[in-house]
């Protein structure tokens, strides 16, 4: 996904987007293993950043 000239990486398990590919892969691995999201990883998502009004960049 490309958003405002930024490439975003999507976790195929939960659908959250991340600016960092490695974090998206960590999210995918966690979601697969635990059938749910990690709050520590989720807080790094683009969606969470938008909801809190804090841009990640």
PDB file of N, CA and C in Angstrom:
ATOM      1  N   UNK A   1       0.854  -1.175   0.000  1.00  0.00           N
ATOM      2  CA  UNK A   1       0.000   0.000   0.000  1.00  0.00           C
ATOM      3  C   UNK A   1       0.897   1.235   0.000  1.00  0.00           C
ATOM      4  N   UNK A   2       0.529   2.233  -0.766  1.00  0.00           N
ATOM      5  CA  UNK A   2       1.249   3.498  -0.784  1.00  0.00           C
ATOM      6  C   UNK A   2       0.293   4.584  -0.324  1.00  0.00           C
ATOM      7  N   UNK A   3       0.744   5.363   0.662  1.00  0.00           N
ATOM      8  CA  UNK A   3      -0.116   6.395   1.240  1.00  0.00           C
ATOM      9  C   UNK A   3       0.704   7.661   1.404  1.00  0.00           C
ATOM     10  N   UNK A   4       0.302   8.709   0.734  1.00  0.00           N
ATOM     11  CA  UNK A   4       0.995  10.000   0.820  1.00  0.00           C
ATOM     12  C   UNK A   4       2.491   9.838   0.591  1.00  0.00           C
ATOM     13  N   UNK A   5       2.836   9.173  -0.486  1.00  0.00           N
ATOM     14  CA  UNK A   5       4.232   8.946  -0.874  1.00  0.00           C
ATOM     15  C   UNK A   5       5.005   8.079   0.106  1.00  0.00           C
ATOM     16  N   UNK A   6       4.313   7.306   0.944  1.00  0.00           N
ATOM     17  CA  UNK A   6       4.966   6.378   1.867  1.00  0.00           C
ATOM     18  C   UNK A   6       4.509   4.967   1.526  1.00  0.00           C
ATOM     19  N   UNK A   7       5.438   4.047   1.560  1.00  0.00           N
ATOM     20  CA  UNK A   7       5.088   2.645   1.389  1.00  0.00           C
ATOM     21  C   UNK A   7       4.712   2.111   2.758  1.00  0.00           C
ATOM     22  N   UNK A   8       3.573   1.433   2.822  1.00  0.00           N
ATOM     23  CA  UNK A   8       3.122   0.825   4.068  1.00  0.00           C
ATOM     24  C   UNK A   8       3.068  -0.681   3.890  1.00  0.00           C
ATOM     25  N   UNK A   9       3.384  -1.384   4.938  1.00  0.00           N
ATOM     26  CA  UNK A   9       3.383  -2.842   4.927  1.00  0.00           C
ATOM     27  C   UNK A   9       2.226  -3.325   5.781  1.00  0.00           C
ATOM     28  N   UNK A  10       1.463  -4.278   5.255  1.00  0.00           N
ATOM     29  CA  UNK A  10       0.243  -4.766   5.906  1.00  0.00           C
ATOM     30  C   UNK A  10       0.463  -6.137   6.509  1.00  0.00           C
ATOM     31  N   UNK A  11      -0.007  -6.308   7.716  1.00  0.00           N
ATOM     32  CA  UNK A  11      -0.017  -7.636   8.330  1.00  0.00           C
ATOM     33  C   UNK A  11      -1.162  -8.421   7.689  1.00  0.00           C
ATOM     34  N   UNK A  12      -0.867  -9.537   7.050  1.00  0.00           N
ATOM     35  CA  UNK A  12      -1.942 -10.300   6.394  1.00  0.00           C
ATOM     36  C   UNK A  12      -2.894 -10.980   7.370  1.00  0.00           C
ATOM     37  N   UNK A  13      -2.504 -11.087   8.617  1.00  0.00           N
ATOM     38  CA  UNK A  13      -3.351 -11.724   9.627  1.00  0.00           C
ATOM     39  C   UNK A  13      -4.420 -10.782  10.177  1.00  0.00           C
ATOM     40  N   UNK A  14      -4.020  -9.578  10.578  1.00  0.00           N
ATOM     41  CA  UNK A  14      -4.977  -8.662  11.213  1.00  0.00           C
ATOM     42  C   UNK A  14      -5.312  -7.441  10.348  1.00  0.00           C
ATOM     43  N   UNK A  15      -4.495  -7.174   9.331  1.00  0.00           N
ATOM     44  CA  UNK A  15      -4.779  -6.079   8.411  1.00  0.00           C
ATOM     45  C   UNK A  15      -4.213  -4.724   8.814  1.00  0.00           C
ATOM     46  N   UNK A  16      -3.502  -4.644   9.933  1.00  0.00           N
ATOM     47  CA  UNK A  16      -2.910  -3.367  10.326  1.00  0.00           C
ATOM     48  C   UNK A  16      -1.725  -3.035   9.417  1.00  0.00           C
ATOM     49  N   UNK A  17      -1.451  -1.741   9.282  1.00  0.00           N
ATOM     50  CA  UNK A  17      -0.382  -1.264   8.405  1.00  0.00           C
ATOM     51  C   UNK A  17       0.756  -0.657   9.216  1.00  0.00           C
ATOM     52  N   UNK A  18       1.973  -0.841   8.703  1.00  0.00           N
ATOM     53  CA  UNK A  18       3.174  -0.351   9.373  1.00  0.00           C
ATOM     54  C   UNK A  18       4.098   0.301   8.356  1.00  0.00           C
ATOM     55  N   UNK A  19       4.856   1.297   8.812  1.00  0.00           N
ATOM     56  CA  UNK A  19       5.833   1.942   7.949  1.00  0.00           C
ATOM     57  C   UNK A  19       7.085   1.092   7.807  1.00  0.00           C
ATOM     58  N   UNK A  20       7.335   0.197   8.752  1.00  0.00           N
ATOM     59  CA  UNK A  20       8.519  -0.648   8.772  1.00  0.00           C
ATOM     60  C   UNK A  20       8.137  -2.091   8.439  1.00  0.00           C
ATOM     61  N   UNK A  21       8.783  -2.659   7.438  1.00  0.00           N
ATOM     62  CA  UNK A  21       8.466  -4.014   6.992  1.00  0.00           C
ATOM     63  C   UNK A  21       8.734  -5.045   8.089  1.00  0.00           C
ATOM     64  N   UNK A  22       9.806  -4.860   8.850  1.00  0.00           N
ATOM     65  CA  UNK A  22      10.142  -5.803   9.914  1.00  0.00           C
ATOM     66  C   UNK A  22       9.071  -5.828  11.001  1.00  0.00           C
ATOM     67  N   UNK A  23       8.521  -4.686  11.326  1.00  0.00           N
ATOM     68  CA  UNK A  23       7.458  -4.641  12.338  1.00  0.00           C
ATOM     69  C   UNK A  23       6.213  -5.349  11.813  1.00  0.00           C
ATOM     70  N   UNK A  24       5.904  -5.169  10.541  1.00  0.00           N
ATOM     71  CA  UNK A  24       4.760  -5.872   9.944  1.00  0.00           C
ATOM     72  C   UNK A  24       4.971  -7.387  10.009  1.00  0.00           C
ATOM     73  N   UNK A  25       6.194  -7.831   9.792  1.00  0.00           N
ATOM     74  CA  UNK A  25       6.499  -9.264   9.873  1.00  0.00           C
ATOM     75  C   UNK A  25       6.394  -9.760  11.315  1.00  0.00           C
ATOM     76  N   UNK A  26       6.818  -8.937  12.274  1.00  0.00           N
ATOM     77  CA  UNK A  26       6.679  -9.294  13.685  1.00  0.00           C
ATOM     78  C   UNK A  26       5.206  -9.415  14.058  1.00  0.00           C
ATOM     79  N   UNK A  27       4.414  -8.482  13.551  1.00  0.00           N
ATOM     80  CA  UNK A  27       2.976  -8.504  13.807  1.00  0.00           C
ATOM     81  C   UNK A  27       2.368  -9.792  13.251  1.00  0.00           C
ATOM     82  N   UNK A  28       2.715 -10.120  12.028  1.00  0.00           N
ATOM     83  CA  UNK A  28       2.193 -11.338  11.401  1.00  0.00           C
ATOM     84  C   UNK A  28       2.561 -12.575  12.219  1.00  0.00           C
ATOM     85  N   UNK A  29       3.815 -12.680  12.638  1.00  0.00           N
ATOM     86  CA  UNK A  29       4.264 -13.839  13.411  1.00  0.00           C
ATOM     87  C   UNK A  29       3.513 -13.931  14.739  1.00  0.00           C
ATOM     88  N   UNK A  30       3.353 -12.793  15.404  1.00  0.00           N
ATOM     89  CA  UNK A  30       2.643 -12.781  16.689  1.00  0.00           C
ATOM     90  C   UNK A  30       1.176 -13.183  16.490  1.00  0.00           C
ATOM     91  N   UNK A  31       0.541 -12.584  15.500  1.00  0.00           N
ATOM     92  CA  UNK A  31      -0.870 -12.881  15.238  1.00  0.00           C
ATOM     93  C   UNK A  31      -1.078 -14.371  14.951  1.00  0.00           C
ATOM     94  N   UNK A  32      -0.180 -14.958  14.154  1.00  0.00           N
ATOM     95  CA  UNK A  32      -0.302 -16.377  13.816  1.00  0.00           C
ATOM     96  C   UNK A  32      -0.141 -17.248  15.061  1.00  0.00           C
ATOM     97  N   UNK A  33       0.847 -16.920  15.878  1.00  0.00           N
ATOM     98  CA  UNK A  33       1.141 -17.739  17.051  1.00  0.00           C
ATOM     99  C   UNK A  33       0.074 -17.623  18.133  1.00  0.00           C
ATOM    100  N   UNK A  34      -0.458 -16.411  18.344  1.00  0.00           N
ATOM    101  CA  UNK A  34      -1.361 -16.157  19.461  1.00  0.00           C
ATOM    102  C   UNK A  34      -2.824 -15.941  19.062  1.00  0.00           C
ATOM    103  N   UNK A  35      -3.117 -15.974  17.768  1.00  0.00           N
ATOM    104  CA  UNK A  35      -4.468 -15.719  17.263  1.00  0.00           C
ATOM    105  C   UNK A  35      -5.020 -14.400  17.802  1.00  0.00           C
ATOM    106  N   UNK A  36      -4.171 -13.415  17.900  1.00  0.00           N
ATOM    107  CA  UNK A  36      -4.556 -12.089  18.366  1.00  0.00           C
ATOM    108  C   UNK A  36      -3.379 -11.143  18.247  1.00  0.00           C
ATOM    109  N   UNK A  37      -3.628  -9.884  18.494  1.00  0.00           N
ATOM    110  CA  UNK A  37      -2.603  -8.857  18.318  1.00  0.00           C
ATOM    111  C   UNK A  37      -1.846  -8.561  19.611  1.00  0.00           C
ATOM    112  N   UNK A  38      -0.600  -8.168  19.453  1.00  0.00           N
ATOM    113  CA  UNK A  38       0.228  -7.701  20.558  1.00  0.00           C
ATOM    114  C   UNK A  38       0.002  -6.206  20.716  1.00  0.00           C
ATOM    115  N   UNK A  39      -0.306  -5.776  21.912  1.00  0.00           N
ATOM    116  CA  UNK A  39      -0.519  -4.340  22.144  1.00  0.00           C
ATOM    117  C   UNK A  39       0.754  -3.555  21.887  1.00  0.00           C
ATOM    118  N   UNK A  40       1.915  -4.141  22.175  1.00  0.00           N
ATOM    119  CA  UNK A  40       3.185  -3.457  21.950  1.00  0.00           C
ATOM    120  C   UNK A  40       3.437  -3.237  20.467  1.00  0.00           C
ATOM    121  N   UNK A  41       3.089  -4.203  19.652  1.00  0.00           N
ATOM    122  CA  UNK A  41       3.272  -4.062  18.205  1.00  0.00           C
ATOM    123  C   UNK A  41       2.174  -3.182  17.619  1.00  0.00           C
ATOM    124  N   UNK A  42       0.945  -3.386  18.054  1.00  0.00           N
ATOM    125  CA  UNK A  42      -0.196  -2.625  17.539  1.00  0.00           C
ATOM    126  C   UNK A  42      -0.019  -1.125  17.718  1.00  0.00           C
ATOM    127  N   UNK A  43       0.596  -0.718  18.820  1.00  0.00           N
ATOM    128  CA  UNK A  43       0.763   0.717  19.057  1.00  0.00           C
ATOM    129  C   UNK A  43       1.685   1.371  18.032  1.00  0.00           C
ATOM    130  N   UNK A  44       2.419   0.574  17.258  1.00  0.00           N
ATOM    131  CA  UNK A  44       3.298   1.094  16.214  1.00  0.00           C
ATOM    132  C   UNK A  44       2.614   1.177  14.854  1.00  0.00           C
ATOM    133  N   UNK A  45       1.363   0.731  14.779  1.00  0.00           N
ATOM    134  CA  UNK A  45       0.645   0.721  13.505  1.00  0.00           C
ATOM    135  C   UNK A  45       0.246   2.126  13.061  1.00  0.00           C
ATOM    136  N   UNK A  46       0.064   2.275  11.776  1.00  0.00           N
ATOM    137  CA  UNK A  46      -0.371   3.550  11.206  1.00  0.00           C
ATOM    138  C   UNK A  46      -1.771   3.884  11.704  1.00  0.00           C
ATOM    139  N   UNK A  47      -2.631   2.889  11.802  1.00  0.00           N
ATOM    140  CA  UNK A  47      -3.997   3.118  12.263  1.00  0.00           C
ATOM    141  C   UNK A  47      -4.015   3.652  13.697  1.00  0.00           C
ATOM    142  N   UNK A  48      -3.197   3.094  14.544  1.00  0.00           N
ATOM    143  CA  UNK A  48      -3.129   3.537  15.942  1.00  0.00           C
ATOM    144  C   UNK A  48      -2.578   4.955  16.016  1.00  0.00           C
ATOM    145  N   UNK A  49      -1.585   5.221  15.188  1.00  0.00           N
ATOM    146  CA  UNK A  49      -0.991   6.559  15.150  1.00  0.00           C
ATOM    147  C   UNK A  49      -2.018   7.602  14.741  1.00  0.00           C
ATOM    148  N   UNK A  50      -2.836   7.285  13.749  1.00  0.00           N
ATOM    149  CA  UNK A  50      -3.881   8.203  13.292  1.00  0.00           C
ATOM    150  C   UNK A  50      -4.951   8.394  14.369  1.00  0.00           C
ATOM    151  N   UNK A  51      -5.328   7.307  15.046  1.00  0.00           N
ATOM    152  CA  UNK A  51      -6.374   7.386  16.057  1.00  0.00           C
ATOM    153  C   UNK A  51      -5.953   8.241  17.242  1.00  0.00           C
ATOM    154  N   UNK A  52      -4.658   8.195  17.571  1.00  0.00           N
ATOM    155  CA  UNK A  52      -4.181   8.969  18.715  1.00  0.00           C
ATOM    156  C   UNK A  52      -3.793  10.392  18.326  1.00  0.00           C
ATOM    157  N   UNK A  53      -3.778  10.666  17.007  1.00  0.00           N
ATOM    158  CA  UNK A  53      -3.425  11.989  16.544  1.00  0.00           C
ATOM    159  C   UNK A  53      -1.936  12.277  16.555  1.00  0.00           C
ATOM    160  N   UNK A  54      -1.141  11.225  16.738  1.00  0.00           N
ATOM    161  CA  UNK A  54       0.312  11.372  16.767  1.00  0.00           C
ATOM    162  C   UNK A  54       0.931  10.757  15.520  1.00  0.00           C
ATOM    163  N   UNK A  55       1.332  11.554  14.546  1.00  0.00           N
ATOM    164  CA  UNK A  55       1.982  10.990  13.371  1.00  0.00           C
ATOM    165  C   UNK A  55       3.300  10.362  13.762  1.00  0.00           C
ATOM    166  N   UNK A  56       3.621   9.229  13.138  1.00  0.00           N
ATOM    167  CA  UNK A  56       4.838   8.508  13.477  1.00  0.00           C
ATOM    168  C   UNK A  56       6.084   9.184  12.967  1.00  0.00           C
ATOM    169  N   UNK A  57       6.014   9.981  11.937  1.00  0.00           N
ATOM    170  CA  UNK A  57       7.223  10.563  11.360  1.00  0.00           C
ATOM    171  C   UNK A  57       7.560  11.877  12.010  1.00  0.00           C
TER     172      UNK A  57
END
